[in-house]
Amino acid sequence: MEKPIIRPVEAFPIEQQGQTQICLRDPTGLAPEPIMLGMGAYFLVTLFDGTKSTLDLQAAFSHRFGEIVPSGKIRDLVAALDRAYFLESPGFAARLRSVREEFRGSRARTAALAGLCYETEPSRLRAEIESFFERPNAPGRAALATAPSAGHLAGLIAPHIDPRRGAAAYAWAYGELRRHERPELIVILGTSHYGAGPELFSATRKDYLTPFGAVPTDLGFVELLAGRYAGAHGGDLFADELLHRNEHSIEFQALFLAWALGVEGYQVVPILVSSFNQMVRQMVHDDETPADNPRVARFLDALREELATERRRVLILAGVDFAHVGRKFGDSFGVDDSVTERVRREDLALIETIKAGDPRGFFADIAREGDQRKICGLAPMYTQLALLSGRSARLLHYDIALEPQTDSLVSFASLAID
């Protein structure tokens, strides 16, 4: 720990009693509790890259603030962060092994955000979700009584923002699902916000628990898919299975599926898709798409081959958000009306490529601007569009959630693919 290394965690400002503090939070849950830092301590933490000794940190602090921080305070800061599992260290490695073994041995994936982002008691949760239909620009409570009357959907795009912030969009997406024939197999493609391993696609064999019951995973399908994928290039769809433990993008879809369909009569295939940002950087000047990348192509081929044998009604569901813009997300600027309107205009132009069923155009639009809006659903949406290429989509709802406290915004949408 002579040259500490901070793990990849979230850092965002919080105002408390007129002072700004920085909250460090680990979305993976490996560091179970957030930690608050003053601006001086946070400055030091930003330098924890494994190359700087205590003397280096003291010198940088002195240069920045004009005073010397005692070495003992730096050691105390390092020790506190290490105890909380925010540093790369032997203590964190032991914690990771313990959590991985516990998750591997569990029969189901627990509802990590129940009680935080939605109610835990089933009747209260049902009432909460039904209230989403009455939010501004939502489809209205009458949509709850609509009986299935149309054919089945091929695809659905739903948000993964906090359900209470994206309430109307969730109501549009899952109200639309209830209007159609029930799917019997649902492939859920969720954004993997923190996947950084060699595999871009991560499956799990576990059911997804919700307050309404367990959404059942089709273990047989998952095993066959993993076998095809491994046979294609020796890849391992379960190498990063731990990513499912705290990732919310599939959890929220499982929750709404359990509300809309119950937990019987269908099965799911939960797949987390990690970032394609490296491909955006590499392909921005070329007429290429992720399907030209061998790792993506092999997964798409394996999933297409497995789906080709299916006799059940299949839905490809993407749990995604769109733009992430503002200071919270690393931009040097905040959010005002002009930024919000620009994001809206550019998002809606991108959505036109989704409506046209055009995966190549979708990726080209994002790559052309270098993904400046940080579309966090890029990877699962592209994967979905590649699987359903040529199928037209309908925009059900689009919205932007402002975050005044962080001078940022997140945009999201619901679309149905026929």
Protein backbone atom coordinates (compact mmCIF):
# COMPACT_ATOMS: atom_id res chain seq x y z
CA MET A 1 0.00 0.00 0.00
CA GLU A 2 3.02 2.28 -0.34
CA LYS A 3 1.62 3.36 -3.73
CA PRO A 4 -2.17 2.96 -3.45
CA ILE A 5 -4.51 2.23 -6.37
CA ILE A 6 -8.14 3.31 -6.27
CA ARG A 7 -10.61 0.87 -7.79
CA PRO A 8 -12.97 2.02 -10.59
CA VAL A 9 -15.84 3.47 -8.53
CA GLU A 10 -18.32 6.31 -8.85
CA ALA A 11 -17.51 9.76 -7.44
CA PHE A 12 -20.08 12.54 -7.30
CA PRO A 13 -20.52 15.78 -5.32
CA ILE A 14 -23.03 16.17 -2.49
CA GLU A 15 -23.85 19.44 -0.75
CA GLN A 16 -23.98 19.14 3.05
CA GLN A 17 -24.47 22.15 5.31
CA GLY A 18 -23.21 24.50 2.63
CA GLN A 19 -20.09 22.48 1.91
CA THR A 20 -19.32 20.24 -1.05
CA GLN A 21 -18.21 16.71 -0.29
CA ILE A 22 -17.48 13.87 -2.68
CA CYS A 23 -19.29 10.59 -2.28
CA LEU A 24 -17.44 7.47 -3.41
CA ARG A 25 -19.77 4.59 -4.23
CA ASP A 26 -19.08 1.16 -5.65
CA PRO A 27 -22.00 0.16 -7.90
CA THR A 28 -20.81 -3.45 -7.93
CA GLY A 29 -21.53 -3.70 -4.21
CA LEU A 30 -18.09 -5.17 -3.51
CA ALA A 31 -17.51 -2.12 -1.34
CA PRO A 32 -20.86 -2.31 0.44
CA GLU A 33 -20.95 1.17 1.99
CA PRO A 34 -20.28 4.55 0.35
CA ILE A 35 -17.66 6.84 1.84
CA MET A 36 -17.66 10.65 2.05
CA LEU A 37 -14.53 12.70 1.38
CA GLY A 38 -13.64 16.34 1.68
CA MET A 39 -12.22 18.04 -1.37
CA GLY A 40 -8.62 17.73 -0.15
CA ALA A 41 -8.92 14.01 0.49
CA TYR A 42 -10.66 13.53 -2.85
CA PHE A 43 -7.82 15.34 -4.60
CA LEU A 44 -5.39 12.84 -3.10
CA VAL A 45 -7.58 9.89 -4.09
CA THR A 46 -7.58 11.02 -7.73
CA LEU A 47 -3.80 10.48 -7.63
CA PHE A 48 -4.03 6.90 -6.33
CA ASP A 49 -2.84 5.32 -9.58
CA GLY A 50 -0.17 2.99 -8.21
CA THR A 51 2.78 5.20 -9.17
CA LYS A 52 2.84 7.79 -6.36
CA SER A 53 4.39 7.38 -2.94
CA THR A 54 3.41 9.29 0.18
CA LEU A 55 6.09 11.88 -0.61
CA ASP A 56 4.72 12.29 -4.13
CA LEU A 57 1.22 12.78 -2.75
CA GLN A 58 2.44 15.34 -0.22
CA ALA A 59 4.23 17.27 -2.97
CA ALA A 60 1.14 17.29 -5.22
CA PHE A 61 -1.08 18.39 -2.34
CA SER A 62 1.32 21.19 -1.43
CA HIS A 63 1.46 22.38 -5.03
CA ARG A 64 -2.35 22.37 -5.28
CA PHE A 65 -3.33 23.79 -1.88
CA GLY A 66 -0.18 25.56 -0.67
CA GLU A 67 0.15 23.52 2.52
CA ILE A 68 1.68 20.24 3.58
CA VAL A 69 -0.57 17.36 4.56
CA PRO A 70 1.02 15.17 7.26
CA SER A 71 2.07 11.72 6.08
CA GLY A 72 0.06 10.19 8.92
CA LYS A 73 -3.14 11.65 7.50
CA ILE A 74 -2.38 10.14 4.11
CA ARG A 75 -1.76 6.76 5.73
CA ASP A 76 -5.03 7.07 7.66
CA LEU A 77 -6.88 7.89 4.43
CA VAL A 78 -5.35 4.89 2.67
CA ALA A 79 -6.21 2.60 5.58
CA ALA A 80 -9.82 3.82 5.72
CA LEU A 81 -10.31 3.30 2.00
CA ASP A 82 -8.71 -0.12 2.19
CA ARG A 83 -10.97 -1.20 5.07
CA ALA A 84 -13.95 -0.10 2.97
CA TYR A 85 -12.70 -2.12 -0.07
CA PHE A 86 -12.14 0.89 -2.33
CA LEU A 87 -8.49 0.08 -3.07
CA GLU A 88 -6.79 -2.65 -5.06
CA SER A 89 -5.15 -4.60 -2.26
CA PRO A 90 -4.88 -8.06 -0.68
CA GLY A 91 -7.87 -7.18 1.48
CA PHE A 92 -9.98 -6.41 -1.56
CA ALA A 93 -8.77 -9.54 -3.35
CA ALA A 94 -9.95 -11.63 -0.40
CA ARG A 95 -13.29 -9.83 -0.41
CA LEU A 96 -13.69 -10.49 -4.14
CA ARG A 97 -12.97 -14.20 -3.72
CA SER A 98 -15.48 -14.46 -0.89
CA VAL A 99 -18.25 -12.66 -2.80
CA ARG A 100 -17.59 -14.65 -5.97
CA GLU A 101 -17.81 -17.96 -4.10
CA GLU A 102 -20.99 -16.88 -2.32
CA PHE A 103 -22.62 -15.81 -5.60
CA ARG A 104 -21.50 -18.94 -7.41
CA GLY A 105 -23.11 -21.07 -4.72
CA SER A 106 -26.42 -19.23 -4.68
CA ARG A 107 -29.38 -20.72 -6.55
CA ALA A 108 -30.86 -17.36 -7.56
CA ARG A 109 -29.83 -13.76 -8.02
CA THR A 110 -31.37 -11.67 -5.24
CA ALA A 111 -33.23 -8.41 -5.87
CA ALA A 112 -30.34 -6.10 -5.03
CA LEU A 113 -32.28 -2.84 -5.26
CA ALA A 114 -35.57 -3.85 -3.65
CA GLY A 115 -36.37 -1.34 -0.93
CA LEU A 116 -34.03 1.22 -2.48
CA CYS A 117 -35.53 1.84 -5.93
CA TYR A 118 -38.90 0.14 -5.54
CA GLU A 119 -41.17 -1.31 -2.87
CA THR A 120 -40.44 -4.75 -1.45
CA GLU A 121 -43.92 -5.76 -0.28
CA PRO A 122 -45.82 -7.21 -3.30
CA SER A 123 -49.14 -5.37 -2.88
CA ARG A 124 -47.41 -2.04 -2.28
CA LEU A 125 -45.11 -2.69 -5.23
CA ARG A 126 -48.04 -3.51 -7.50
CA ALA A 127 -49.77 -0.29 -6.47
CA GLU A 128 -46.57 1.65 -7.04
CA ILE A 129 -46.11 0.28 -10.57
CA GLU A 130 -49.76 0.88 -11.43
CA SER A 131 -49.36 4.48 -10.28
CA PHE A 132 -46.69 4.90 -12.96
CA PHE A 133 -49.48 4.74 -15.56
CA GLU A 134 -50.91 7.97 -14.13
CA ARG A 135 -47.71 9.99 -14.35
CA PRO A 136 -47.54 12.92 -16.82
CA ASN A 137 -47.29 11.63 -20.41
CA ALA A 138 -47.90 8.04 -19.27
CA PRO A 139 -50.47 5.87 -21.09
CA GLY A 140 -53.12 6.27 -18.38
CA ARG A 141 -54.75 3.82 -16.01
CA ALA A 142 -57.11 2.61 -18.74
CA ALA A 143 -54.12 0.87 -20.33
CA LEU A 144 -53.99 -1.47 -17.34
CA ALA A 145 -57.29 -3.04 -18.37
CA THR A 146 -56.27 -3.65 -21.99
CA ALA A 147 -56.48 -7.34 -22.92
CA PRO A 148 -53.93 -8.87 -25.32
CA SER A 149 -55.24 -8.28 -28.82
CA ALA A 150 -52.24 -8.13 -31.13
CA GLY A 151 -49.59 -10.58 -32.31
CA HIS A 152 -46.40 -11.01 -30.36
CA LEU A 153 -43.61 -8.45 -30.31
CA ALA A 154 -40.21 -9.35 -31.73
CA GLY A 155 -38.40 -6.82 -29.57
CA LEU A 156 -38.84 -4.26 -26.82
CA ILE A 157 -36.59 -1.43 -25.69
CA ALA A 158 -37.17 -0.33 -22.09
CA PRO A 159 -35.18 1.97 -19.82
CA HIS A 160 -32.97 0.93 -16.93
CA ILE A 161 -33.05 4.27 -15.12
CA ASP A 162 -34.43 4.24 -11.57
CA PRO A 163 -38.08 3.15 -12.01
CA ARG A 164 -39.38 6.14 -10.08
CA ARG A 165 -37.59 8.54 -12.42
CA GLY A 166 -38.42 6.64 -15.60
CA ALA A 167 -41.94 5.72 -14.47
CA ALA A 168 -43.85 6.79 -17.59
CA ALA A 169 -41.36 5.09 -19.93
CA TYR A 170 -41.65 1.82 -18.02
CA ALA A 171 -45.44 2.10 -18.14
CA TRP A 172 -45.37 2.56 -21.92
CA ALA A 173 -42.95 -0.33 -22.48
CA TYR A 174 -44.61 -2.92 -20.27
CA GLY A 175 -48.13 -1.72 -21.01
CA GLU A 176 -47.31 -2.38 -24.67
CA LEU A 177 -46.00 -5.83 -23.79
CA ARG A 178 -49.29 -6.67 -22.08
CA ARG A 179 -51.20 -5.65 -25.24
CA HIS A 180 -49.56 -8.45 -27.23
CA GLU A 181 -49.40 -12.22 -27.07
CA ARG A 182 -47.27 -13.41 -24.21
CA PRO A 183 -43.71 -14.25 -25.16
CA GLU A 184 -42.54 -17.70 -24.10
CA LEU A 185 -38.80 -17.04 -24.23
CA ILE A 186 -37.33 -13.62 -23.47
CA VAL A 187 -33.69 -12.86 -24.22
CA ILE A 188 -32.81 -9.92 -21.96
CA LEU A 189 -29.85 -7.85 -23.15
CA GLY A 190 -28.80 -5.52 -20.35
CA THR A 191 -26.14 -2.83 -20.20
CA SER A 192 -23.14 -4.03 -18.21
CA HIS A 193 -21.98 -0.75 -16.70
CA TYR A 194 -18.88 -2.22 -15.09
CA GLY A 195 -17.79 -5.11 -17.28
CA ALA A 196 -14.10 -4.81 -18.07
CA GLY A 197 -12.99 -8.39 -18.62
CA PRO A 198 -12.05 -10.12 -21.86
CA GLU A 199 -15.63 -11.25 -22.55
CA LEU A 200 -18.14 -8.74 -23.89
CA PHE A 201 -21.14 -10.96 -23.11
CA SER A 202 -21.92 -12.38 -19.68
CA ALA A 203 -24.66 -14.93 -18.98
CA THR A 204 -25.98 -16.39 -15.75
CA ARG A 205 -27.73 -19.66 -14.94
CA LYS A 206 -29.56 -18.07 -12.01
CA ASP A 207 -33.20 -17.10 -11.76
CA TYR A 208 -33.84 -13.42 -11.02
CA LEU A 209 -35.69 -12.94 -7.75
CA THR A 210 -38.31 -10.18 -7.47
CA PRO A 211 -40.86 -9.36 -4.77
CA PHE A 212 -43.44 -11.05 -7.05
CA GLY A 213 -41.44 -14.28 -7.21
CA ALA A 214 -38.53 -15.69 -9.21
CA VAL A 215 -38.34 -14.91 -12.92
CA PRO A 216 -37.15 -18.28 -14.29
CA THR A 217 -34.00 -18.53 -16.38
CA ASP A 218 -34.02 -21.14 -19.14
CA LEU A 219 -31.02 -23.12 -17.93
CA GLY A 220 -31.09 -25.48 -20.91
CA PHE A 221 -31.01 -22.64 -23.44
CA VAL A 222 -28.26 -20.83 -21.55
CA GLU A 223 -26.10 -23.95 -21.41
CA LEU A 224 -26.57 -24.67 -25.13
CA LEU A 225 -25.81 -21.05 -26.00
CA ALA A 226 -22.68 -21.11 -23.84
CA GLY A 227 -21.61 -24.33 -25.53
CA ARG A 228 -22.03 -22.88 -29.01
CA TYR A 229 -20.14 -19.74 -27.99
CA ALA A 230 -17.31 -21.74 -26.44
CA GLY A 231 -17.15 -24.00 -29.48
CA ALA A 232 -16.82 -21.00 -31.77
CA HIS A 233 -13.70 -19.56 -30.14
CA GLY A 234 -13.22 -20.99 -26.69
CA GLY A 235 -14.98 -18.09 -25.00
CA ASP A 236 -16.70 -18.35 -21.62
CA LEU A 237 -20.10 -16.73 -21.15
CA PHE A 238 -19.83 -17.35 -17.41
CA ALA A 239 -16.37 -15.84 -16.90
CA ASP A 240 -17.85 -12.58 -15.60
CA GLU A 241 -21.07 -13.96 -14.15
CA LEU A 242 -20.46 -11.98 -10.96
CA LEU A 243 -21.41 -8.84 -12.92
CA HIS A 244 -25.04 -9.92 -12.58
CA ARG A 245 -24.90 -9.66 -8.79
CA ASN A 246 -25.50 -5.91 -8.52
CA GLU A 247 -26.17 -4.79 -12.10
CA HIS A 248 -29.57 -3.09 -12.26
CA SER A 249 -30.20 -3.10 -16.02
CA ILE A 250 -31.60 -6.65 -16.00
CA GLU A 251 -32.99 -6.49 -12.46
CA PHE A 252 -35.44 -3.77 -13.45
CA GLN A 253 -36.58 -5.72 -16.52
CA ALA A 254 -37.14 -8.84 -14.41
CA LEU A 255 -39.18 -6.77 -11.98
CA PHE A 256 -41.49 -5.40 -14.67
CA LEU A 257 -41.76 -8.75 -16.43
CA ALA A 258 -42.89 -10.32 -13.16
CA TRP A 259 -45.46 -7.54 -12.77
CA ALA A 260 -46.68 -7.72 -16.38
CA LEU A 261 -46.60 -11.50 -16.97
CA GLY A 262 -46.30 -13.10 -13.56
CA VAL A 263 -43.50 -15.63 -13.09
CA GLU A 264 -44.91 -18.63 -14.97
CA GLY A 265 -45.45 -19.49 -18.62
CA TYR A 266 -42.18 -18.04 -19.92
CA GLN A 267 -38.44 -18.19 -19.31
CA VAL A 268 -35.64 -15.68 -19.71
CA VAL A 269 -32.05 -15.68 -20.94
CA PRO A 270 -30.21 -12.92 -19.03
CA ILE A 271 -27.20 -11.53 -20.92
CA LEU A 272 -25.15 -8.51 -19.87
CA VAL A 273 -23.35 -6.73 -22.70
CA SER A 274 -20.20 -4.76 -21.91
CA SER A 275 -19.10 -1.51 -23.52
CA PHE A 276 -18.41 -1.20 -27.26
CA ASN A 277 -16.62 2.13 -26.71
CA GLN A 278 -13.28 0.76 -27.85
CA MET A 279 -14.92 -0.19 -31.14
CA VAL A 280 -16.32 3.32 -31.45
CA ARG A 281 -12.80 4.72 -31.17
CA GLN A 282 -11.29 2.16 -33.52
CA MET A 283 -14.01 2.26 -36.17
CA VAL A 284 -14.90 5.94 -36.24
CA HIS A 285 -13.02 6.44 -39.53
CA ASP A 286 -13.97 3.08 -41.07
CA ASP A 287 -17.15 1.66 -42.50
CA GLU A 288 -17.26 -1.02 -39.84
CA THR A 289 -19.71 -2.04 -37.14
CA PRO A 290 -19.37 -4.24 -34.05
CA ALA A 291 -20.56 -7.22 -36.13
CA ASP A 292 -17.19 -7.01 -37.90
CA ASN A 293 -15.49 -7.62 -34.55
CA PRO A 294 -14.87 -11.37 -34.07
CA ARG A 295 -15.95 -11.35 -30.41
CA VAL A 296 -19.30 -9.78 -31.27
CA ALA A 297 -19.80 -11.81 -34.44
CA ARG A 298 -19.25 -15.11 -32.63
CA PHE A 299 -21.83 -14.28 -29.99
CA LEU A 300 -24.36 -13.13 -32.58
CA ASP A 301 -23.79 -16.30 -34.62
CA ALA A 302 -24.17 -18.53 -31.55
CA LEU A 303 -27.38 -16.82 -30.42
CA ARG A 304 -28.87 -16.81 -33.94
CA GLU A 305 -28.13 -20.52 -34.31
CA GLU A 306 -29.74 -21.33 -30.99
CA LEU A 307 -32.80 -19.17 -31.72
CA ALA A 308 -33.18 -20.81 -35.13
CA THR A 309 -34.19 -24.03 -33.38
CA GLU A 310 -36.84 -22.33 -31.23
CA ARG A 311 -40.53 -23.04 -31.65
CA ARG A 312 -41.56 -20.73 -28.82
CA ARG A 313 -42.57 -17.08 -29.19
CA VAL A 314 -39.34 -15.14 -28.63
CA LEU A 315 -38.91 -11.57 -27.44
CA ILE A 316 -35.55 -9.76 -27.56
CA LEU A 317 -35.66 -7.22 -24.72
CA ALA A 318 -33.04 -4.49 -24.27
CA GLY A 319 -32.75 -2.77 -20.88
CA VAL A 320 -31.00 0.46 -21.84
CA ASP A 321 -30.73 4.21 -21.41
CA PHE A 322 -29.57 6.77 -23.93
CA ALA A 323 -27.51 9.94 -23.30
CA HIS A 324 -25.49 10.66 -20.15
CA VAL A 325 -24.37 14.29 -20.33
CA GLY A 326 -23.06 16.82 -17.82
CA ARG A 327 -20.53 17.19 -15.06
CA LYS A 328 -21.44 13.93 -13.31
CA PHE A 329 -20.46 12.04 -16.45
CA GLY A 330 -17.12 13.75 -17.02
CA ASP A 331 -18.17 16.65 -19.24
CA SER A 332 -16.57 20.04 -18.64
CA PHE A 333 -19.96 21.74 -19.02
CA GLY A 334 -23.23 21.63 -17.14
CA VAL A 335 -26.74 21.24 -18.47
CA ASP A 336 -28.89 24.15 -19.62
CA ASP A 337 -31.82 24.47 -22.03
CA SER A 338 -29.59 24.51 -25.11
CA VAL A 339 -27.75 21.35 -24.05
CA THR A 340 -31.03 19.60 -23.22
CA GLU A 341 -32.54 20.50 -26.59
CA ARG A 342 -29.42 19.38 -28.44
CA VAL A 343 -29.50 16.02 -26.67
CA ARG A 344 -33.19 15.64 -27.47
CA ARG A 345 -32.66 16.47 -31.15
CA GLU A 346 -29.71 14.12 -31.56
CA ASP A 347 -31.37 11.30 -29.61
CA LEU A 348 -34.49 11.49 -31.73
CA ALA A 349 -32.37 11.38 -34.89
CA LEU A 350 -30.66 8.25 -33.54
CA ILE A 351 -34.04 6.72 -32.72
CA GLU A 352 -34.98 7.06 -36.40
CA THR A 353 -32.29 4.46 -37.22
CA ILE A 354 -33.80 2.15 -34.58
CA LYS A 355 -37.25 2.64 -36.06
CA ALA A 356 -35.82 1.68 -39.46
CA GLY A 357 -34.27 -1.51 -38.05
CA ASP A 358 -30.83 -0.34 -39.18
CA PRO A 359 -28.00 -1.56 -36.90
CA ARG A 360 -25.29 -0.24 -39.23
CA GLY A 361 -26.82 3.24 -39.33
CA PHE A 362 -27.36 3.17 -35.57
CA PHE A 363 -23.71 2.47 -34.86
CA ALA A 364 -22.49 4.87 -37.57
CA ASP A 365 -24.48 7.75 -36.03
CA ILE A 366 -22.88 7.16 -32.64
CA ALA A 367 -19.38 6.56 -34.02
CA ARG A 368 -19.54 9.67 -36.21
CA GLU A 369 -19.67 11.90 -33.14
CA GLY A 370 -17.36 9.71 -31.05
CA ASP A 371 -20.24 8.82 -28.72
CA GLN A 372 -20.13 12.29 -27.20
CA ARG A 373 -23.51 11.74 -25.55
CA LYS A 374 -22.25 8.53 -23.90
CA ILE A 375 -25.12 6.25 -24.97
CA CYS A 376 -24.84 3.63 -22.24
CA GLY A 377 -27.25 1.33 -24.09
CA LEU A 378 -25.13 1.29 -27.23
CA ALA A 379 -23.88 -2.31 -26.86
CA PRO A 380 -27.15 -4.12 -25.99
CA MET A 381 -29.19 -2.00 -28.43
CA TYR A 382 -26.78 -2.71 -31.27
CA THR A 383 -26.87 -6.42 -30.40
CA GLN A 384 -30.67 -6.37 -30.39
CA LEU A 385 -30.84 -4.51 -33.71
CA ALA A 386 -28.34 -6.92 -35.29
CA LEU A 387 -30.52 -9.85 -34.22
CA LEU A 388 -33.70 -8.14 -35.49
CA SER A 389 -32.23 -6.29 -38.47
CA GLY A 390 -34.83 -4.92 -40.86
CA ARG A 391 -37.72 -5.03 -38.41
CA SER A 392 -39.46 -1.70 -37.91
CA ALA A 393 -39.87 -0.16 -34.46
CA ARG A 394 -42.36 2.26 -32.95
CA LEU A 395 -41.38 4.98 -30.50
CA LEU A 396 -43.65 4.75 -27.48
CA HIS A 397 -42.07 7.34 -25.22
CA TYR A 398 -38.97 9.51 -24.93
CA ASP A 399 -37.90 11.60 -21.95
CA ILE A 400 -34.99 13.32 -20.25
CA ALA A 401 -34.34 13.22 -16.51
CA LEU A 402 -32.47 16.27 -15.24
CA GLU A 403 -30.12 16.01 -12.26
CA PRO A 404 -29.75 19.60 -10.99
CA GLN A 405 -27.61 18.54 -8.03
CA THR A 406 -24.94 17.21 -10.41
CA ASP A 407 -25.66 19.54 -13.35
CA SER A 408 -26.30 16.51 -15.57
CA LEU A 409 -29.00 14.63 -17.47
CA VAL A 410 -29.94 11.11 -18.55
CA SER A 411 -32.23 10.39 -21.49
CA PHE A 412 -34.21 7.23 -22.12
CA ALA A 413 -36.94 5.82 -24.33
CA SER A 414 -39.34 2.96 -24.86
CA LEU A 415 -39.78 1.36 -28.28
CA ALA A 416 -41.64 -1.67 -29.58
CA ILE A 417 -40.17 -3.74 -32.42
CA ASP A 418 -42.78 -5.57 -34.50
